Amino acid sequence: MSDGKAQPNGTTSAQTTASGGVPHHVITGKEVARNWVIFFAGMAALMTGSYWLFS
């Protein structure tokens, strides 16, 4: 990883994408867990809202 000061903007991200295929921060357990929590919270809110609305 370079500090980014010597290179123009966007070069580091392009290099990481070219070498690794995916950015480093995408595949982490914390992000996956957070996405699942958000997904389930959204689904629960949707179910509760629709049940309260139509009952």
PDB file of N, CA and C in Angstrom:
ATOM      1  N   MET A   1       0.845  -1.193   0.000  1.00  0.00           N
ATOM      2  CA  MET A   1       0.000   0.000   0.000  1.00  0.00           C
ATOM      3  C   MET A   1       0.877   1.239   0.000  1.00  0.00           C
ATOM      4  N   SER A   2       0.582   2.170  -0.886  1.00  0.00           N
ATOM      5  CA  SER A   2       1.270   3.454  -0.864  1.00  0.00           C
ATOM      6  C   SER A   2       0.419   4.441  -0.096  1.00  0.00           C
ATOM      7  N   ASP A   3       1.033   5.567   0.269  1.00  0.00           N
ATOM      8  CA  ASP A   3       0.285   6.567   1.023  1.00  0.00           C
ATOM      9  C   ASP A   3      -0.656   7.363   0.128  1.00  0.00           C
ATOM     10  N   GLY A   4      -0.465   7.301  -1.181  1.00  0.00           N
ATOM     11  CA  GLY A   4      -1.363   7.954  -2.108  1.00  0.00           C
ATOM     12  C   GLY A   4      -0.974   9.371  -2.449  1.00  0.00           C
ATOM     13  N   LYS A   5       0.032   9.928  -1.755  1.00  0.00           N
ATOM     14  CA  LYS A   5       0.391  11.319  -2.008  1.00  0.00           C
ATOM     15  C   LYS A   5       1.190  11.453  -3.300  1.00  0.00           C
ATOM     16  N   ALA A   6       2.041  10.464  -3.581  1.00  0.00           N
ATOM     17  CA  ALA A   6       2.901  10.567  -4.748  1.00  0.00           C
ATOM     18  C   ALA A   6       2.152  10.216  -6.031  1.00  0.00           C
ATOM     19  N   GLN A   7       1.025   9.536  -5.899  1.00  0.00           N
ATOM     20  CA  GLN A   7       0.295   9.091  -7.075  1.00  0.00           C
ATOM     21  C   GLN A   7      -0.963   9.933  -7.270  1.00  0.00           C
ATOM     22  N   PRO A   8      -1.440  10.030  -8.501  1.00  0.00           N
ATOM     23  CA  PRO A   8      -2.711  10.721  -8.747  1.00  0.00           C
ATOM     24  C   PRO A   8      -3.873   9.961  -8.125  1.00  0.00           C
ATOM     25  N   ASN A   9      -4.973  10.634  -7.995  1.00  0.00           N
ATOM     26  CA  ASN A   9      -6.131  10.058  -7.307  1.00  0.00           C
ATOM     27  C   ASN A   9      -6.709   8.899  -8.106  1.00  0.00           C
ATOM     28  N   GLY A  10      -6.994   7.767  -7.441  1.00  0.00           N
ATOM     29  CA  GLY A  10      -7.619   6.633  -8.085  1.00  0.00           C
ATOM     30  C   GLY A  10      -6.644   5.560  -8.523  1.00  0.00           C
ATOM     31  N   THR A  11      -5.330   5.830  -8.475  1.00  0.00           N
ATOM     32  CA  THR A  11      -4.370   4.845  -8.960  1.00  0.00           C
ATOM     33  C   THR A  11      -4.299   3.642  -8.017  1.00  0.00           C
ATOM     34  N   THR A  12      -4.321   3.902  -6.718  1.00  0.00           N
ATOM     35  CA  THR A  12      -4.179   2.818  -5.753  1.00  0.00           C
ATOM     36  C   THR A  12      -5.368   1.872  -5.831  1.00  0.00           C
ATOM     37  N   SER A  13      -6.582   2.422  -5.958  1.00  0.00           N
ATOM     38  CA  SER A  13      -7.757   1.562  -6.023  1.00  0.00           C
ATOM     39  C   SER A  13      -7.758   0.748  -7.306  1.00  0.00           C
ATOM     40  N   ALA A  14      -7.289   1.351  -8.406  1.00  0.00           N
ATOM     41  CA  ALA A  14      -7.222   0.627  -9.672  1.00  0.00           C
ATOM     42  C   ALA A  14      -6.216  -0.519  -9.573  1.00  0.00           C
ATOM     43  N   GLN A  15      -5.093  -0.281  -8.899  1.00  0.00           N
ATOM     44  CA  GLN A  15      -4.091  -1.329  -8.750  1.00  0.00           C
ATOM     45  C   GLN A  15      -4.618  -2.465  -7.876  1.00  0.00           C
ATOM     46  N   THR A  16      -5.297  -2.147  -6.799  1.00  0.00           N
ATOM     47  CA  THR A  16      -5.832  -3.195  -5.935  1.00  0.00           C
ATOM     48  C   THR A  16      -6.866  -4.026  -6.676  1.00  0.00           C
ATOM     49  N   THR A  17      -7.713  -3.365  -7.454  1.00  0.00           N
ATOM     50  CA  THR A  17      -8.739  -4.095  -8.196  1.00  0.00           C
ATOM     51  C   THR A  17      -8.106  -4.996  -9.247  1.00  0.00           C
ATOM     52  N   ALA A  18      -7.045  -4.497  -9.897  1.00  0.00           N
ATOM     53  CA  ALA A  18      -6.402  -5.277 -10.951  1.00  0.00           C
ATOM     54  C   ALA A  18      -5.660  -6.480 -10.365  1.00  0.00           C
ATOM     55  N   SER A  19      -5.012  -6.295  -9.212  1.00  0.00           N
ATOM     56  CA  SER A  19      -4.208  -7.378  -8.656  1.00  0.00           C
ATOM     57  C   SER A  19      -5.071  -8.392  -7.914  1.00  0.00           C
ATOM     58  N   GLY A  20      -5.992  -7.908  -7.084  1.00  0.00           N
ATOM     59  CA  GLY A  20      -6.751  -8.811  -6.228  1.00  0.00           C
ATOM     60  C   GLY A  20      -8.080  -9.234  -6.813  1.00  0.00           C
ATOM     61  N   GLY A  21      -8.628  -8.430  -7.712  1.00  0.00           N
ATOM     62  CA  GLY A  21      -9.940  -8.721  -8.262  1.00  0.00           C
ATOM     63  C   GLY A  21     -11.055  -8.044  -7.484  1.00  0.00           C
ATOM     64  N   VAL A  22     -10.901  -7.983  -6.153  1.00  0.00           N
ATOM     65  CA  VAL A  22     -11.874  -7.300  -5.317  1.00  0.00           C
ATOM     66  C   VAL A  22     -11.123  -6.434  -4.313  1.00  0.00           C
ATOM     67  N   PRO A  23     -11.696  -5.304  -3.884  1.00  0.00           N
ATOM     68  CA  PRO A  23     -11.073  -4.501  -2.828  1.00  0.00           C
ATOM     69  C   PRO A  23     -10.955  -5.292  -1.527  1.00  0.00           C
ATOM     70  N   HIS A  24     -10.011  -4.884  -0.681  1.00  0.00           N
ATOM     71  CA  HIS A  24      -9.709  -5.669   0.513  1.00  0.00           C
ATOM     72  C   HIS A  24     -10.830  -5.603   1.541  1.00  0.00           C
ATOM     73  N   HIS A  25     -11.488  -4.446   1.660  1.00  0.00           N
ATOM     74  CA  HIS A  25     -12.415  -4.245   2.768  1.00  0.00           C
ATOM     75  C   HIS A  25     -13.756  -4.921   2.558  1.00  0.00           C
ATOM     76  N   VAL A  26     -13.994  -5.472   1.370  1.00  0.00           N
ATOM     77  CA  VAL A  26     -15.309  -6.048   1.092  1.00  0.00           C
ATOM     78  C   VAL A  26     -15.493  -7.369   1.824  1.00  0.00           C
ATOM     79  N   ILE A  27     -14.461  -8.223   1.790  1.00  0.00           N
ATOM     80  CA  ILE A  27     -14.604  -9.554   2.374  1.00  0.00           C
ATOM     81  C   ILE A  27     -14.108  -9.520   3.819  1.00  0.00           C
ATOM     82  N   THR A  28     -14.967  -9.096   4.727  1.00  0.00           N
ATOM     83  CA  THR A  28     -14.651  -9.158   6.151  1.00  0.00           C
ATOM     84  C   THR A  28     -15.872  -9.670   6.897  1.00  0.00           C
ATOM     85  N   GLY A  29     -15.630 -10.410   7.946  1.00  0.00           N
ATOM     86  CA  GLY A  29     -16.722 -10.982   8.721  1.00  0.00           C
ATOM     87  C   GLY A  29     -17.608  -9.914   9.346  1.00  0.00           C
ATOM     88  N   LYS A  30     -16.991  -8.791   9.749  1.00  0.00           N
ATOM     89  CA  LYS A  30     -17.755  -7.739  10.403  1.00  0.00           C
ATOM     90  C   LYS A  30     -18.755  -7.115   9.436  1.00  0.00           C
ATOM     91  N   GLU A  31     -18.308  -6.882   8.194  1.00  0.00           N
ATOM     92  CA  GLU A  31     -19.210  -6.297   7.202  1.00  0.00           C
ATOM     93  C   GLU A  31     -20.328  -7.265   6.841  1.00  0.00           C
ATOM     94  N   VAL A  32     -19.987  -8.553   6.715  1.00  0.00           N
ATOM     95  CA  VAL A  32     -21.002  -9.558   6.392  1.00  0.00           C
ATOM     96  C   VAL A  32     -22.039  -9.633   7.506  1.00  0.00           C
ATOM     97  N   ALA A  33     -21.574  -9.651   8.749  1.00  0.00           N
ATOM     98  CA  ALA A  33     -22.488  -9.714   9.886  1.00  0.00           C
ATOM     99  C   ALA A  33     -23.379  -8.478   9.930  1.00  0.00           C
ATOM    100  N   ARG A  34     -22.782  -7.304   9.673  1.00  0.00           N
ATOM    101  CA  ARG A  34     -23.566  -6.069   9.680  1.00  0.00           C
ATOM    102  C   ARG A  34     -24.619  -6.090   8.581  1.00  0.00           C
ATOM    103  N   ASN A  35     -24.237  -6.597   7.397  1.00  0.00           N
ATOM    104  CA  ASN A  35     -25.199  -6.675   6.300  1.00  0.00           C
ATOM    105  C   ASN A  35     -26.354  -7.609   6.642  1.00  0.00           C
ATOM    106  N   TRP A  36     -26.051  -8.746   7.293  1.00  0.00           N
ATOM    107  CA  TRP A  36     -27.110  -9.670   7.699  1.00  0.00           C
ATOM    108  C   TRP A  36     -28.011  -9.033   8.746  1.00  0.00           C
ATOM    109  N   VAL A  37     -27.410  -8.296   9.695  1.00  0.00           N
ATOM    110  CA  VAL A  37     -28.211  -7.633  10.729  1.00  0.00           C
ATOM    111  C   VAL A  37     -29.141  -6.605  10.095  1.00  0.00           C
ATOM    112  N   ILE A  38     -28.603  -5.812   9.164  1.00  0.00           N
ATOM    113  CA  ILE A  38     -29.420  -4.812   8.479  1.00  0.00           C
ATOM    114  C   ILE A  38     -30.530  -5.494   7.680  1.00  0.00           C
ATOM    115  N   PHE A  39     -30.182  -6.591   7.004  1.00  0.00           N
ATOM    116  CA  PHE A  39     -31.159  -7.308   6.187  1.00  0.00           C
ATOM    117  C   PHE A  39     -32.304  -7.849   7.044  1.00  0.00           C
ATOM    118  N   PHE A  40     -31.944  -8.512   8.164  1.00  0.00           N
ATOM    119  CA  PHE A  40     -32.979  -9.092   9.009  1.00  0.00           C
ATOM    120  C   PHE A  40     -33.798  -8.014   9.712  1.00  0.00           C
ATOM    121  N   ALA A  41     -33.151  -6.921  10.100  1.00  0.00           N
ATOM    122  CA  ALA A  41     -33.890  -5.823  10.731  1.00  0.00           C
ATOM    123  C   ALA A  41     -34.878  -5.204   9.743  1.00  0.00           C
ATOM    124  N   GLY A  42     -34.433  -5.042   8.504  1.00  0.00           N
ATOM    125  CA  GLY A  42     -35.321  -4.501   7.478  1.00  0.00           C
ATOM    126  C   GLY A  42     -36.488  -5.430   7.191  1.00  0.00           C
ATOM    127  N   MET A  43     -36.217  -6.733   7.120  1.00  0.00           N
ATOM    128  CA  MET A  43     -37.277  -7.702   6.867  1.00  0.00           C
ATOM    129  C   MET A  43     -38.271  -7.734   8.026  1.00  0.00           C
ATOM    130  N   ALA A  44     -37.768  -7.693   9.255  1.00  0.00           N
ATOM    131  CA  ALA A  44     -38.651  -7.706  10.420  1.00  0.00           C
ATOM    132  C   ALA A  44     -39.520  -6.450  10.454  1.00  0.00           C
ATOM    133  N   ALA A  45     -38.915  -5.309  10.139  1.00  0.00           N
ATOM    134  CA  ALA A  45     -39.680  -4.063  10.115  1.00  0.00           C
ATOM    135  C   ALA A  45     -40.743  -4.100   9.016  1.00  0.00           C
ATOM    136  N   LEU A  46     -40.388  -4.668   7.873  1.00  0.00           N
ATOM    137  CA  LEU A  46     -41.331  -4.769   6.762  1.00  0.00           C
ATOM    138  C   LEU A  46     -42.499  -5.685   7.120  1.00  0.00           C
ATOM    139  N   MET A  47     -42.191  -6.843   7.723  1.00  0.00           N
ATOM    140  CA  MET A  47     -43.234  -7.783   8.111  1.00  0.00           C
ATOM    141  C   MET A  47     -44.146  -7.171   9.172  1.00  0.00           C
ATOM    142  N   THR A  48     -43.542  -6.532  10.173  1.00  0.00           N
ATOM    143  CA  THR A  48     -44.332  -5.926  11.243  1.00  0.00           C
ATOM    144  C   THR A  48     -45.207  -4.805  10.695  1.00  0.00           C
ATOM    145  N   GLY A  49     -44.626  -3.986   9.825  1.00  0.00           N
ATOM    146  CA  GLY A  49     -45.381  -2.880   9.245  1.00  0.00           C
ATOM    147  C   GLY A  49     -46.541  -3.357   8.391  1.00  0.00           C
ATOM    148  N   SER A  50     -46.302  -4.355   7.553  1.00  0.00           N
ATOM    149  CA  SER A  50     -47.367  -4.854   6.683  1.00  0.00           C
ATOM    150  C   SER A  50     -48.448  -5.562   7.501  1.00  0.00           C
ATOM    151  N   TYR A  51     -48.045  -6.306   8.540  1.00  0.00           N
ATOM    152  CA  TYR A  51     -49.016  -6.993   9.399  1.00  0.00           C
ATOM    153  C   TYR A  51     -49.888  -5.984  10.140  1.00  0.00           C
ATOM    154  N   TRP A  52     -49.245  -4.919  10.651  1.00  0.00           N
ATOM    155  CA  TRP A  52     -49.993  -3.890  11.372  1.00  0.00           C
ATOM    156  C   TRP A  52     -50.896  -3.119  10.413  1.00  0.00           C
ATOM    157  N   LEU A  53     -50.448  -2.956   9.180  1.00  0.00           N
ATOM    158  CA  LEU A  53     -51.198  -2.168   8.211  1.00  0.00           C
ATOM    159  C   LEU A  53     -52.450  -2.914   7.751  1.00  0.00           C
ATOM    160  N   PHE A  54     -52.311  -4.211   7.488  1.00  0.00           N
ATOM    161  CA  PHE A  54     -53.398  -4.962   6.862  1.00  0.00           C
ATOM    162  C   PHE A  54     -54.283  -5.705   7.855  1.00  0.00           C
ATOM    163  N   SER A  55     -53.956  -5.647   9.144  1.00  0.00           N
ATOM    164  CA  SER A  55     -54.774  -6.386  10.102  1.00  0.00           C
ATOM    165  C   SER A  55     -55.929  -5.517  10.617  1.00  0.00           C
TER     166      SER A  55
END
